[in-house]
Amino acid sequence: MTSSTNNIDNRPTMRAVTQRTFGGPEVLEVSEAPRPVPQPTEVLVRVRAAGVNPVDWKTREGTGMAHVLGEPPFVLGWDVAGVVEELGWGVSTLAVGDEVYGMPWFPRAAGGYGEYVTAPARQFSRKPASVTMEQAAAVPLAALTAWQALFDTAQVTAGQRVLITAAAGGVGHFAVQFARLRGAHVIATAGERNREWLTELGAETVIDYTRTRFEDQVGDVDVVIDLVGDHDDTGLRSLRTLRPGGLLVAVPGGVSPQLQAAADQQGKRVTAFLVEPDGGALTRIAAHIDAGEVHVEVDQVLPLEAAAKAHEAVATGHTRGKVVLQVSDATA
């Protein structure tokens, strides 16, 4: 899909999913938007596919990263895969024509639901050669969240017991695989339909959260990666599974005063977490994917015009892996 020209000032434009107000999925609309121009050290990427994450629909409603983006209008989306089309001055790590993927600018606006994005070159990495653009777009935010939470924050080591809640989702299925690669003993919570699949990915124990409370089934855990948050007191329940001195990484909801007080009383640790762009980590993750050590699960691929449907699917909390938007095709 080539860009058109704005008749008012002759600036190139592009198709993008824009929202002009906070609200439900119906506020998302495909419209024309100015095509970005790369600044020094930045690249212009023609987006082929964009991943959809829980933070997207939360921000659309006015929570999530809305406090960072400010009032609409804006273009959502942080997960992108595409092709480098133009280089800003000073770029030395990428070349025009490179196939790349990344999570640019998070938590500031990146405009991933558009045909073009610009961002610092080092926030991107060459995409894994063994996967499609749609699969590559499913990786950055989810995989970086799992990678940074496990290794940079919790510093998980071989032999540790790691509990991952909501393990069948985008972040969760990467966290299971990364923890297993590090040699940890992985315990996952998920619905029964995902038991066999998560076992294949590396979970040694899968607890069906619809039938039993995980804190009654597991203990002496070194690290909990909580991907559920405030729902059903998951954070407080996760504390019960930790050994003294163990660490709870509270990903979606952060650490409430109640959770902090309970951790202090029990002699356990809690920390909030927010993912950061990291092209270097994406390069390492791509190597694991191309080596066949990490699988990328895509629940469904939808056209850009179906962004509202994609948000509805992700908001259910029951997708396996990621939902992806196809933004443009290879002939664009």
C-alpha atoms as a PDB file:
ATOM      1  CA  MET A   1       0.000   0.000   0.000  1.00  0.00           C
ATOM      2  CA  THR A   2       1.671   3.190  -1.137  1.00  0.00           C
ATOM      3  CA  SER A   3       1.082   6.458   0.627  1.00  0.00           C
ATOM      4  CA  SER A   4      -1.035   9.212  -0.879  1.00  0.00           C
ATOM      5  CA  THR A   5      -0.457  12.967  -0.792  1.00  0.00           C
ATOM      6  CA  ASN A   6      -2.248  15.449   1.411  1.00  0.00           C
ATOM      7  CA  ASN A   7      -3.813  18.021  -0.907  1.00  0.00           C
ATOM      8  CA  ILE A   8      -3.480  20.811   1.654  1.00  0.00           C
ATOM      9  CA  ASP A   9       0.263  20.880   2.181  1.00  0.00           C
ATOM     10  CA  ASN A  10       1.503  18.145  -0.165  1.00  0.00           C
ATOM     11  CA  ARG A  11       2.819  16.043   2.709  1.00  0.00           C
ATOM     12  CA  PRO A  12       2.726  12.266   2.134  1.00  0.00           C
ATOM     13  CA  THR A  13      -0.001  10.506   4.091  1.00  0.00           C
ATOM     14  CA  MET A  14      -0.698   6.937   5.110  1.00  0.00           C
ATOM     15  CA  ARG A  15      -3.521   4.757   6.324  1.00  0.00           C
ATOM     16  CA  ALA A  16      -3.695   4.396  10.087  1.00  0.00           C
ATOM     17  CA  VAL A  17      -6.162   3.361  12.768  1.00  0.00           C
ATOM     18  CA  THR A  18      -6.925   6.581  14.621  1.00  0.00           C
ATOM     19  CA  GLN A  19      -9.068   7.244  17.657  1.00  0.00           C
ATOM     20  CA  ARG A  20     -10.431  10.707  18.285  1.00  0.00           C
ATOM     21  CA  THR A  21     -11.900  10.023  21.715  1.00  0.00           C
ATOM     22  CA  PHE A  22     -11.577   7.490  24.518  1.00  0.00           C
ATOM     23  CA  GLY A  23     -14.150   4.724  24.499  1.00  0.00           C
ATOM     24  CA  GLY A  24     -15.044   1.255  23.272  1.00  0.00           C
ATOM     25  CA  PRO A  25     -13.703  -0.553  20.200  1.00  0.00           C
ATOM     26  CA  GLU A  26     -16.044   1.474  17.993  1.00  0.00           C
ATOM     27  CA  VAL A  27     -13.859   4.590  18.414  1.00  0.00           C
ATOM     28  CA  LEU A  28     -11.153   2.989  16.251  1.00  0.00           C
ATOM     29  CA  GLU A  29     -11.357   4.132  12.633  1.00  0.00           C
ATOM     30  CA  VAL A  30      -9.113   3.828   9.589  1.00  0.00           C
ATOM     31  CA  SER A  31      -8.228   7.271   8.271  1.00  0.00           C
ATOM     32  CA  GLU A  32      -5.452   9.226   6.567  1.00  0.00           C
ATOM     33  CA  ALA A  33      -2.612  10.430   8.780  1.00  0.00           C
ATOM     34  CA  PRO A  34       0.652  12.270   8.045  1.00  0.00           C
ATOM     35  CA  ARG A  35       3.492   9.930   7.153  1.00  0.00           C
ATOM     36  CA  PRO A  36       6.359  10.347   9.647  1.00  0.00           C
ATOM     37  CA  VAL A  37       9.822  11.507   8.606  1.00  0.00           C
ATOM     38  CA  PRO A  38      12.934   9.938  10.177  1.00  0.00           C
ATOM     39  CA  GLN A  39      15.143  12.236  12.230  1.00  0.00           C
ATOM     40  CA  PRO A  40      18.890  11.670  12.756  1.00  0.00           C
ATOM     41  CA  THR A  41      19.613   8.130  14.087  1.00  0.00           C
ATOM     42  CA  GLU A  42      16.057   7.075  13.181  1.00  0.00           C
ATOM     43  CA  VAL A  43      14.702   4.743  10.505  1.00  0.00           C
ATOM     44  CA  LEU A  44      11.442   4.872   8.575  1.00  0.00           C
ATOM     45  CA  VAL A  45       9.843   1.419   8.631  1.00  0.00           C
ATOM     46  CA  ARG A  46       7.025   0.396   6.302  1.00  0.00           C
ATOM     47  CA  VAL A  47       4.879  -1.667   8.654  1.00  0.00           C
ATOM     48  CA  ARG A  48       3.720  -5.020   7.361  1.00  0.00           C
ATOM     49  CA  ALA A  49       2.108  -6.269  10.591  1.00  0.00           C
ATOM     50  CA  ALA A  50       1.321  -4.926  14.055  1.00  0.00           C
ATOM     51  CA  GLY A  51       0.784  -6.867  17.261  1.00  0.00           C
ATOM     52  CA  VAL A  52      -2.170  -6.112  19.532  1.00  0.00           C
ATOM     53  CA  ASN A  53      -1.610  -6.107  23.292  1.00  0.00           C
ATOM     54  CA  PRO A  54      -3.771  -5.642  26.407  1.00  0.00           C
ATOM     55  CA  VAL A  55      -2.194  -2.223  26.960  1.00  0.00           C
ATOM     56  CA  ASP A  56      -3.697  -1.172  23.610  1.00  0.00           C
ATOM     57  CA  TRP A  57      -7.342  -1.638  24.571  1.00  0.00           C
ATOM     58  CA  LYS A  58      -6.743  -0.284  28.048  1.00  0.00           C
ATOM     59  CA  THR A  59      -5.196   2.861  26.575  1.00  0.00           C
ATOM     60  CA  ARG A  60      -8.065   3.129  24.096  1.00  0.00           C
ATOM     61  CA  GLU A  61     -10.466   3.242  27.043  1.00  0.00           C
ATOM     62  CA  GLY A  62      -8.459   5.908  28.866  1.00  0.00           C
ATOM     63  CA  THR A  63      -6.330   3.819  31.256  1.00  0.00           C
ATOM     64  CA  GLY A  64      -3.172   1.884  30.289  1.00  0.00           C
ATOM     65  CA  MET A  65      -0.715   4.409  28.844  1.00  0.00           C
ATOM     66  CA  ALA A  66      -3.337   7.101  28.243  1.00  0.00           C
ATOM     67  CA  HIS A  67      -1.642   9.280  30.866  1.00  0.00           C
ATOM     68  CA  VAL A  68       1.502   9.193  28.709  1.00  0.00           C
ATOM     69  CA  LEU A  69      -0.160   9.694  25.320  1.00  0.00           C
ATOM     70  CA  GLY A  70      -2.522  12.404  26.527  1.00  0.00           C
ATOM     71  CA  GLU A  71      -5.861  13.217  24.965  1.00  0.00           C
ATOM     72  CA  PRO A  72      -6.790  11.774  21.543  1.00  0.00           C
ATOM     73  CA  PRO A  73      -6.447  11.874  18.628  1.00  0.00           C
ATOM     74  CA  PHE A  74      -3.611   9.367  18.445  1.00  0.00           C
ATOM     75  CA  VAL A  75      -2.631   6.120  16.737  1.00  0.00           C
ATOM     76  CA  LEU A  76      -2.186   3.110  19.014  1.00  0.00           C
ATOM     77  CA  GLY A  77       0.220   0.205  18.609  1.00  0.00           C
ATOM     78  CA  TRP A  78       3.763  -0.579  19.744  1.00  0.00           C
ATOM     79  CA  ASP A  79       4.521  -3.992  18.171  1.00  0.00           C
ATOM     80  CA  VAL A  80       5.648  -3.746  14.564  1.00  0.00           C
ATOM     81  CA  ALA A  81       7.357  -5.818  11.898  1.00  0.00           C
ATOM     82  CA  GLY A  82       8.231  -4.430   8.501  1.00  0.00           C
ATOM     83  CA  VAL A  83      10.907  -3.212   6.121  1.00  0.00           C
ATOM     84  CA  VAL A  84      13.329  -0.308   6.490  1.00  0.00           C
ATOM     85  CA  GLU A  85      12.466   2.213   3.780  1.00  0.00           C
ATOM     86  CA  GLU A  86      14.570   5.234   4.702  1.00  0.00           C
ATOM     87  CA  LEU A  87      17.490   6.047   6.988  1.00  0.00           C
ATOM     88  CA  GLY A  88      17.975   9.162   9.050  1.00  0.00           C
ATOM     89  CA  TRP A  89      21.435  10.660   9.232  1.00  0.00           C
ATOM     90  CA  GLY A  90      23.855   8.685  11.380  1.00  0.00           C
ATOM     91  CA  VAL A  91      22.190   5.264  11.236  1.00  0.00           C
ATOM     92  CA  SER A  92      24.863   2.555  11.076  1.00  0.00           C
ATOM     93  CA  THR A  93      23.137  -0.589  12.342  1.00  0.00           C
ATOM     94  CA  LEU A  94      20.486  -1.079   9.640  1.00  0.00           C
ATOM     95  CA  ALA A  95      20.155  -0.637   5.882  1.00  0.00           C
ATOM     96  CA  VAL A  96      17.313   0.137   3.495  1.00  0.00           C
ATOM     97  CA  GLY A  97      15.513  -3.121   2.699  1.00  0.00           C
ATOM     98  CA  ASP A  98      16.262  -4.812   6.034  1.00  0.00           C
ATOM     99  CA  GLU A  99      13.353  -6.751   7.511  1.00  0.00           C
ATOM    100  CA  VAL A 100      13.022  -5.615  11.123  1.00  0.00           C
ATOM    101  CA  TYR A 101      10.833  -5.886  14.182  1.00  0.00           C
ATOM    102  CA  GLY A 102      10.613  -3.828  17.314  1.00  0.00           C
ATOM    103  CA  MET A 103       8.666  -2.115  20.095  1.00  0.00           C
ATOM    104  CA  PRO A 104       9.489   1.524  19.350  1.00  0.00           C
ATOM    105  CA  TRP A 105       9.074   4.385  21.807  1.00  0.00           C
ATOM    106  CA  PHE A 106       7.080   2.507  24.488  1.00  0.00           C
ATOM    107  CA  PRO A 107       5.384   3.894  26.525  1.00  0.00           C
ATOM    108  CA  ARG A 108       5.290   7.022  24.340  1.00  0.00           C
ATOM    109  CA  ALA A 109       3.209   6.929  21.165  1.00  0.00           C
ATOM    110  CA  ALA A 110       4.690   4.845  18.347  1.00  0.00           C
ATOM    111  CA  GLY A 111       1.750   4.669  15.937  1.00  0.00           C
ATOM    112  CA  GLY A 112       2.118   0.981  15.186  1.00  0.00           C
ATOM    113  CA  TYR A 113      -1.382   0.724  13.707  1.00  0.00           C
ATOM    114  CA  GLY A 114      -0.188   2.736  10.710  1.00  0.00           C
ATOM    115  CA  GLU A 115       1.560   1.986   7.451  1.00  0.00           C
ATOM    116  CA  TYR A 116       4.789   3.707   8.547  1.00  0.00           C
ATOM    117  CA  VAL A 117       6.608   4.344  11.813  1.00  0.00           C
ATOM    118  CA  THR A 118       9.842   6.109  12.657  1.00  0.00           C
ATOM    119  CA  ALA A 119      12.010   5.421  15.687  1.00  0.00           C
ATOM    120  CA  PRO A 120      15.670   5.188  16.720  1.00  0.00           C
ATOM    121  CA  ALA A 121      17.356   2.428  14.740  1.00  0.00           C
ATOM    122  CA  ARG A 122      18.597   0.736  17.882  1.00  0.00           C
ATOM    123  CA  GLN A 123      15.039   0.161  19.089  1.00  0.00           C
ATOM    124  CA  PHE A 124      14.680  -2.315  16.220  1.00  0.00           C
ATOM    125  CA  SER A 125      16.385  -5.587  15.377  1.00  0.00           C
ATOM    126  CA  ARG A 126      16.478  -7.687  12.239  1.00  0.00           C
ATOM    127  CA  LYS A 127      13.457  -9.933  12.437  1.00  0.00           C
ATOM    128  CA  PRO A 128      13.850 -13.689  12.938  1.00  0.00           C
ATOM    129  CA  ALA A 129      14.406 -15.143   9.481  1.00  0.00           C
ATOM    130  CA  SER A 130      12.403 -18.292  10.212  1.00  0.00           C
ATOM    131  CA  VAL A 131       9.043 -16.610  10.889  1.00  0.00           C
ATOM    132  CA  THR A 132       6.533 -14.572   8.922  1.00  0.00           C
ATOM    133  CA  MET A 133       6.013 -10.849   9.347  1.00  0.00           C
ATOM    134  CA  GLU A 134       2.808 -11.588  11.247  1.00  0.00           C
ATOM    135  CA  GLN A 135       4.634 -13.885  13.646  1.00  0.00           C
ATOM    136  CA  ALA A 136       7.439 -11.359  14.068  1.00  0.00           C
ATOM    137  CA  ALA A 137       4.945  -8.627  14.947  1.00  0.00           C
ATOM    138  CA  ALA A 138       3.628 -10.871  17.731  1.00  0.00           C
ATOM    139  CA  VAL A 139       6.985 -10.933  19.485  1.00  0.00           C
ATOM    140  CA  PRO A 140       8.426  -7.594  20.675  1.00  0.00           C
ATOM    141  CA  LEU A 141       6.296  -6.269  23.539  1.00  0.00           C
ATOM    142  CA  ALA A 142       5.328  -9.678  24.886  1.00  0.00           C
ATOM    143  CA  ALA A 143       8.758 -11.264  24.552  1.00  0.00           C
ATOM    144  CA  LEU A 144      10.616  -8.233  25.910  1.00  0.00           C
ATOM    145  CA  THR A 145       8.252  -8.133  28.888  1.00  0.00           C
ATOM    146  CA  ALA A 146       8.954 -11.778  29.636  1.00  0.00           C
ATOM    147  CA  TRP A 147      12.706 -11.430  29.026  1.00  0.00           C
ATOM    148  CA  GLN A 148      13.197  -8.307  31.117  1.00  0.00           C
ATOM    149  CA  ALA A 149      10.935  -9.478  33.952  1.00  0.00           C
ATOM    150  CA  LEU A 150      12.657 -12.847  34.230  1.00  0.00           C
ATOM    151  CA  PHE A 151      16.273 -11.944  33.600  1.00  0.00           C
ATOM    152  CA  ASP A 152      16.806  -8.225  34.228  1.00  0.00           C
ATOM    153  CA  THR A 153      14.401  -7.850  37.156  1.00  0.00           C
ATOM    154  CA  ALA A 154      14.119 -11.282  38.808  1.00  0.00           C
ATOM    155  CA  GLN A 155      17.519 -12.575  37.599  1.00  0.00           C
ATOM    156  CA  VAL A 156      16.163 -16.101  37.339  1.00  0.00           C
ATOM    157  CA  THR A 157      18.799 -18.845  37.438  1.00  0.00           C
ATOM    158  CA  ALA A 158      18.859 -22.566  36.736  1.00  0.00           C
ATOM    159  CA  GLY A 159      17.030 -24.703  39.261  1.00  0.00           C
ATOM    160  CA  GLN A 160      14.767 -21.974  40.598  1.00  0.00           C
ATOM    161  CA  ARG A 161      11.031 -22.527  40.826  1.00  0.00           C
ATOM    162  CA  VAL A 162       9.124 -19.974  38.735  1.00  0.00           C
ATOM    163  CA  LEU A 163       5.343 -19.552  38.764  1.00  0.00           C
ATOM    164  CA  ILE A 164       3.816 -17.819  35.720  1.00  0.00           C
ATOM    165  CA  THR A 165       0.158 -16.822  35.865  1.00  0.00           C
ATOM    166  CA  ALA A 166      -1.885 -16.423  32.656  1.00  0.00           C
ATOM    167  CA  ALA A 167       0.779 -18.512  30.985  1.00  0.00           C
ATOM    168  CA  ALA A 168      -1.080 -19.100  27.721  1.00  0.00           C
ATOM    169  CA  GLY A 169      -1.209 -15.427  26.746  1.00  0.00           C
ATOM    170  CA  GLY A 170       1.244 -13.355  24.752  1.00  0.00           C
ATOM    171  CA  VAL A 171       3.715 -12.628  27.557  1.00  0.00           C
ATOM    172  CA  GLY A 172       3.020 -15.880  29.356  1.00  0.00           C
ATOM    173  CA  HIS A 173       3.905 -18.291  26.566  1.00  0.00           C
ATOM    174  CA  PHE A 174       7.239 -16.520  26.051  1.00  0.00           C
ATOM    175  CA  ALA A 175       7.924 -16.459  29.791  1.00  0.00           C
ATOM    176  CA  VAL A 176       7.394 -20.217  30.018  1.00  0.00           C
ATOM    177  CA  GLN A 177       9.889 -20.828  27.227  1.00  0.00           C
ATOM    178  CA  PHE A 178      12.524 -18.341  28.419  1.00  0.00           C
ATOM    179  CA  ALA A 179      12.424 -19.620  32.002  1.00  0.00           C
ATOM    180  CA  ARG A 180      12.780 -23.186  30.768  1.00  0.00           C
ATOM    181  CA  LEU A 181      15.717 -22.199  28.556  1.00  0.00           C
ATOM    182  CA  ARG A 182      17.403 -20.757  31.636  1.00  0.00           C
ATOM    183  CA  GLY A 183      16.928 -24.111  33.384  1.00  0.00           C
ATOM    184  CA  ALA A 184      14.191 -23.083  35.800  1.00  0.00           C
ATOM    185  CA  HIS A 185      11.383 -25.342  37.012  1.00  0.00           C
ATOM    186  CA  VAL A 186       8.314 -23.768  35.424  1.00  0.00           C
ATOM    187  CA  ILE A 187       4.837 -23.825  36.979  1.00  0.00           C
ATOM    188  CA  ALA A 188       2.050 -22.311  34.883  1.00  0.00           C
ATOM    189  CA  THR A 189      -1.581 -21.385  35.405  1.00  0.00           C
ATOM    190  CA  ALA A 190      -3.940 -21.724  32.444  1.00  0.00           C
ATOM    191  CA  GLY A 191      -7.199 -23.290  31.342  1.00  0.00           C
ATOM    192  CA  GLU A 192      -7.375 -27.019  30.711  1.00  0.00           C
ATOM    193  CA  ARG A 193      -7.352 -26.589  26.909  1.00  0.00           C
ATOM    194  CA  ASN A 194      -3.827 -25.166  27.117  1.00  0.00           C
ATOM    195  CA  ARG A 195      -2.339 -27.800  29.423  1.00  0.00           C
ATOM    196  CA  GLU A 196      -0.757 -30.015  26.776  1.00  0.00           C
ATOM    197  CA  TRP A 197       0.472 -27.064  24.730  1.00  0.00           C
ATOM    198  CA  LEU A 198       2.176 -25.366  27.701  1.00  0.00           C
ATOM    199  CA  THR A 199       3.741 -28.660  28.696  1.00  0.00           C
ATOM    200  CA  GLU A 200       5.229 -28.879  25.211  1.00  0.00           C
ATOM    201  CA  LEU A 201       6.582 -25.341  25.627  1.00  0.00           C
ATOM    202  CA  GLY A 202       8.380 -26.295  28.838  1.00  0.00           C
ATOM    203  CA  ALA A 203       6.037 -26.036  31.805  1.00  0.00           C
ATOM    204  CA  GLU A 204       6.571 -28.910  34.220  1.00  0.00           C
ATOM    205  CA  THR A 205       3.329 -28.242  36.064  1.00  0.00           C
ATOM    206  CA  VAL A 206       0.172 -26.657  34.636  1.00  0.00           C
ATOM    207  CA  ILE A 207      -2.570 -25.701  37.113  1.00  0.00           C
ATOM    208  CA  ASP A 208      -6.099 -25.284  35.758  1.00  0.00           C
ATOM    209  CA  TYR A 209      -7.159 -22.027  37.391  1.00  0.00           C
ATOM    210  CA  THR A 210     -10.815 -22.695  36.561  1.00  0.00           C
ATOM    211  CA  ARG A 211     -10.900 -25.776  38.785  1.00  0.00           C
ATOM    212  CA  THR A 212      -8.530 -25.059  41.636  1.00  0.00           C
ATOM    213  CA  ARG A 213      -6.779 -22.174  43.337  1.00  0.00           C
ATOM    214  CA  PHE A 214      -3.121 -22.280  42.389  1.00  0.00           C
ATOM    215  CA  GLU A 215      -1.955 -21.179  45.854  1.00  0.00           C
ATOM    216  CA  ASP A 216      -3.413 -24.393  47.259  1.00  0.00           C
ATOM    217  CA  GLN A 217      -1.394 -26.491  44.807  1.00  0.00           C
ATOM    218  CA  VAL A 218       2.083 -24.993  44.811  1.00  0.00           C
ATOM    219  CA  GLY A 219       4.577 -23.511  47.266  1.00  0.00           C
ATOM    220  CA  ASP A 220       8.261 -22.823  47.867  1.00  0.00           C
ATOM    221  CA  VAL A 221       8.407 -20.709  44.701  1.00  0.00           C
ATOM    222  CA  ASP A 222      11.415 -18.456  44.094  1.00  0.00           C
ATOM    223  CA  VAL A 223       9.832 -16.086  41.562  1.00  0.00           C
ATOM    224  CA  VAL A 224       6.269 -15.326  40.497  1.00  0.00           C
ATOM    225  CA  ILE A 225       5.668 -13.536  37.199  1.00  0.00           C
ATOM    226  CA  ASP A 226       2.105 -12.333  37.739  1.00  0.00           C
ATOM    227  CA  LEU A 227       0.430 -11.516  34.427  1.00  0.00           C
ATOM    228  CA  VAL A 228      -3.105 -11.272  35.826  1.00  0.00           C
ATOM    229  CA  GLY A 229      -2.877  -8.349  38.234  1.00  0.00           C
ATOM    230  CA  ASP A 230      -5.674  -7.124  40.465  1.00  0.00           C
ATOM    231  CA  HIS A 231      -8.339  -9.553  39.268  1.00  0.00           C
ATOM    232  CA  ASP A 232      -9.418 -12.039  41.933  1.00  0.00           C
ATOM    233  CA  ASP A 233      -6.647 -10.912  44.329  1.00  0.00           C
ATOM    234  CA  THR A 234      -4.092 -12.754  42.193  1.00  0.00           C
ATOM    235  CA  GLY A 235      -1.180 -10.755  43.595  1.00  0.00           C
ATOM    236  CA  LEU A 236      -2.034 -11.488  47.227  1.00  0.00           C
ATOM    237  CA  ARG A 237      -2.653 -15.128  46.377  1.00  0.00           C
ATOM    238  CA  SER A 238       0.676 -15.311  44.542  1.00  0.00           C
ATOM    239  CA  LEU A 239       2.487 -14.156  47.677  1.00  0.00           C
ATOM    240  CA  ARG A 240       1.319 -17.296  49.446  1.00  0.00           C
ATOM    241  CA  THR A 241       3.237 -19.468  46.981  1.00  0.00           C
ATOM    242  CA  LEU A 242       6.585 -17.717  47.532  1.00  0.00           C
ATOM    243  CA  ARG A 243       9.317 -18.924  49.832  1.00  0.00           C
ATOM    244  CA  PRO A 244      10.615 -16.380  52.380  1.00  0.00           C
ATOM    245  CA  GLY A 245      12.623 -13.815  50.440  1.00  0.00           C
ATOM    246  CA  GLY A 246      11.010 -14.825  47.158  1.00  0.00           C
ATOM    247  CA  LEU A 247      10.101 -12.205  44.552  1.00  0.00           C
ATOM    248  CA  LEU A 248       6.756 -11.330  42.986  1.00  0.00           C
ATOM    249  CA  VAL A 249       6.995  -9.329  39.745  1.00  0.00           C
ATOM    250  CA  ALA A 250       3.616  -7.602  39.370  1.00  0.00           C
ATOM    251  CA  VAL A 251       3.400  -6.885  35.644  1.00  0.00           C
ATOM    252  CA  PRO A 252      -0.050  -5.522  34.694  1.00  0.00           C
ATOM    253  CA  GLY A 253      -1.306  -3.918  37.890  1.00  0.00           C
ATOM    254  CA  GLY A 254       1.786  -2.776  39.730  1.00  0.00           C
ATOM    255  CA  VAL A 255       2.158  -2.977  43.503  1.00  0.00           C
ATOM    256  CA  SER A 256      -0.743  -1.717  45.589  1.00  0.00           C
ATOM    257  CA  PRO A 257      -0.169  -0.543  49.182  1.00  0.00           C
ATOM    258  CA  GLN A 258      -2.084  -3.613  50.337  1.00  0.00           C
ATOM    259  CA  LEU A 259       0.182  -5.935  48.347  1.00  0.00           C
ATOM    260  CA  GLN A 260       3.335  -4.202  49.596  1.00  0.00           C
ATOM    261  CA  ALA A 261       2.154  -4.396  53.207  1.00  0.00           C
ATOM    262  CA  ALA A 262       1.364  -8.115  52.888  1.00  0.00           C
ATOM    263  CA  ALA A 263       4.772  -8.805  51.343  1.00  0.00           C
ATOM    264  CA  ASP A 264       6.562  -6.925  54.111  1.00  0.00           C
ATOM    265  CA  GLN A 265       4.606  -8.818  56.758  1.00  0.00           C
ATOM    266  CA  GLN A 266       5.438 -12.169  55.166  1.00  0.00           C
ATOM    267  CA  GLY A 267       9.121 -11.417  54.561  1.00  0.00           C
ATOM    268  CA  LYS A 268       8.768 -11.545  50.776  1.00  0.00           C
ATOM    269  CA  ARG A 269       9.589  -9.105  47.974  1.00  0.00           C
ATOM    270  CA  VAL A 270       7.379  -7.437  45.374  1.00  0.00           C
ATOM    271  CA  THR A 271       8.191  -5.112  42.505  1.00  0.00           C
ATOM    272  CA  ALA A 272       6.282  -3.331  39.780  1.00  0.00           C
ATOM    273  CA  PHE A 273       7.473  -3.648  36.213  1.00  0.00           C
ATOM    274  CA  LEU A 274       7.284  -1.774  32.912  1.00  0.00           C
ATOM    275  CA  VAL A 275       8.897  -3.010  29.716  1.00  0.00           C
ATOM    276  CA  GLU A 276      11.417  -0.883  27.783  1.00  0.00           C
ATOM    277  CA  PRO A 277      12.494  -0.878  24.117  1.00  0.00           C
ATOM    278  CA  ASP A 278      15.581  -3.064  23.710  1.00  0.00           C
ATOM    279  CA  GLY A 279      16.896  -3.889  20.257  1.00  0.00           C
ATOM    280  CA  GLY A 280      19.796  -5.867  21.713  1.00  0.00           C
ATOM    281  CA  ALA A 281      17.476  -8.227  23.588  1.00  0.00           C
ATOM    282  CA  LEU A 282      15.347  -8.621  20.448  1.00  0.00           C
ATOM    283  CA  THR A 283      18.464  -9.747  18.585  1.00  0.00           C
ATOM    284  CA  ARG A 284      19.077 -12.438  21.203  1.00  0.00           C
ATOM    285  CA  ILE A 285      15.412 -13.448  21.170  1.00  0.00           C
ATOM    286  CA  ALA A 286      15.500 -13.709  17.361  1.00  0.00           C
ATOM    287  CA  ALA A 287      18.453 -16.090  17.636  1.00  0.00           C
ATOM    288  CA  HIS A 288      16.478 -18.362  19.975  1.00  0.00           C
ATOM    289  CA  ILE A 289      13.511 -18.310  17.592  1.00  0.00           C
ATOM    290  CA  ASP A 290      15.651 -19.126  14.549  1.00  0.00           C
ATOM    291  CA  ALA A 291      17.357 -21.928  16.496  1.00  0.00           C
ATOM    292  CA  GLY A 292      13.934 -23.516  17.073  1.00  0.00           C
ATOM    293  CA  GLU A 293      14.182 -22.958  20.828  1.00  0.00           C
ATOM    294  CA  VAL A 294      11.286 -20.493  21.089  1.00  0.00           C
ATOM    295  CA  HIS A 295       7.889 -20.834  19.442  1.00  0.00           C
ATOM    296  CA  VAL A 296       5.744 -17.822  18.501  1.00  0.00           C
ATOM    297  CA  GLU A 297       2.006 -18.417  18.881  1.00  0.00           C
ATOM    298  CA  VAL A 298      -0.405 -16.287  16.849  1.00  0.00           C
ATOM    299  CA  ASP A 299      -4.055 -16.732  17.761  1.00  0.00           C
ATOM    300  CA  GLN A 300      -5.399 -14.882  14.725  1.00  0.00           C
ATOM    301  CA  VAL A 301      -4.404 -12.398  12.027  1.00  0.00           C
ATOM    302  CA  LEU A 302      -6.913  -9.701  11.095  1.00  0.00           C
ATOM    303  CA  PRO A 303      -6.847  -6.876   8.547  1.00  0.00           C
ATOM    304  CA  LEU A 304      -6.124  -3.337   9.691  1.00  0.00           C
ATOM    305  CA  GLU A 305      -9.787  -2.453   9.226  1.00  0.00           C
ATOM    306  CA  ALA A 306     -10.692  -5.045  11.885  1.00  0.00           C
ATOM    307  CA  ALA A 307      -8.745  -3.361  14.692  1.00  0.00           C
ATOM    308  CA  ALA A 308     -11.920  -3.104  16.768  1.00  0.00           C
ATOM    309  CA  LYS A 309     -12.478  -6.856  16.473  1.00  0.00           C
ATOM    310  CA  ALA A 310      -8.855  -7.460  17.458  1.00  0.00           C
ATOM    311  CA  HIS A 311      -9.305  -5.342  20.596  1.00  0.00           C
ATOM    312  CA  GLU A 312     -12.456  -7.259  21.504  1.00  0.00           C
ATOM    313  CA  ALA A 313     -10.596 -10.571  21.181  1.00  0.00           C
ATOM    314  CA  VAL A 314      -7.616  -9.480  23.289  1.00  0.00           C
ATOM    315  CA  ALA A 315      -9.856  -7.945  25.960  1.00  0.00           C
ATOM    316  CA  THR A 316     -11.438 -11.352  26.641  1.00  0.00           C
ATOM    317  CA  GLY A 317      -8.162 -12.473  28.195  1.00  0.00           C
ATOM    318  CA  HIS A 318      -8.561 -15.884  26.590  1.00  0.00           C
ATOM    319  CA  THR A 319      -6.525 -15.706  23.398  1.00  0.00           C
ATOM    320  CA  ARG A 320      -3.685 -18.176  22.977  1.00  0.00           C
ATOM    321  CA  GLY A 321      -0.564 -16.182  22.217  1.00  0.00           C
ATOM    322  CA  LYS A 322      -1.100 -12.982  20.243  1.00  0.00           C
ATOM    323  CA  VAL A 323      -3.563 -11.282  17.918  1.00  0.00           C
ATOM    324  CA  VAL A 324      -1.961  -9.491  14.954  1.00  0.00           C
ATOM    325  CA  LEU A 325      -3.114  -6.895  12.431  1.00  0.00           C
ATOM    326  CA  GLN A 326      -1.975  -7.145   8.820  1.00  0.00           C
ATOM    327  CA  VAL A 327      -1.156  -3.562   7.937  1.00  0.00           C
ATOM    328  CA  SER A 328       0.197  -3.886   4.390  1.00  0.00           C
ATOM    329  CA  ASP A 329       1.322  -6.677   2.079  1.00  0.00           C
ATOM    330  CA  ALA A 330       4.623  -7.443   0.398  1.00  0.00           C
ATOM    331  CA  THR A 331       3.602  -5.709  -2.827  1.00  0.00           C
ATOM    332  CA  ALA A 332       2.824  -2.390  -1.149  1.00  0.00           C
END
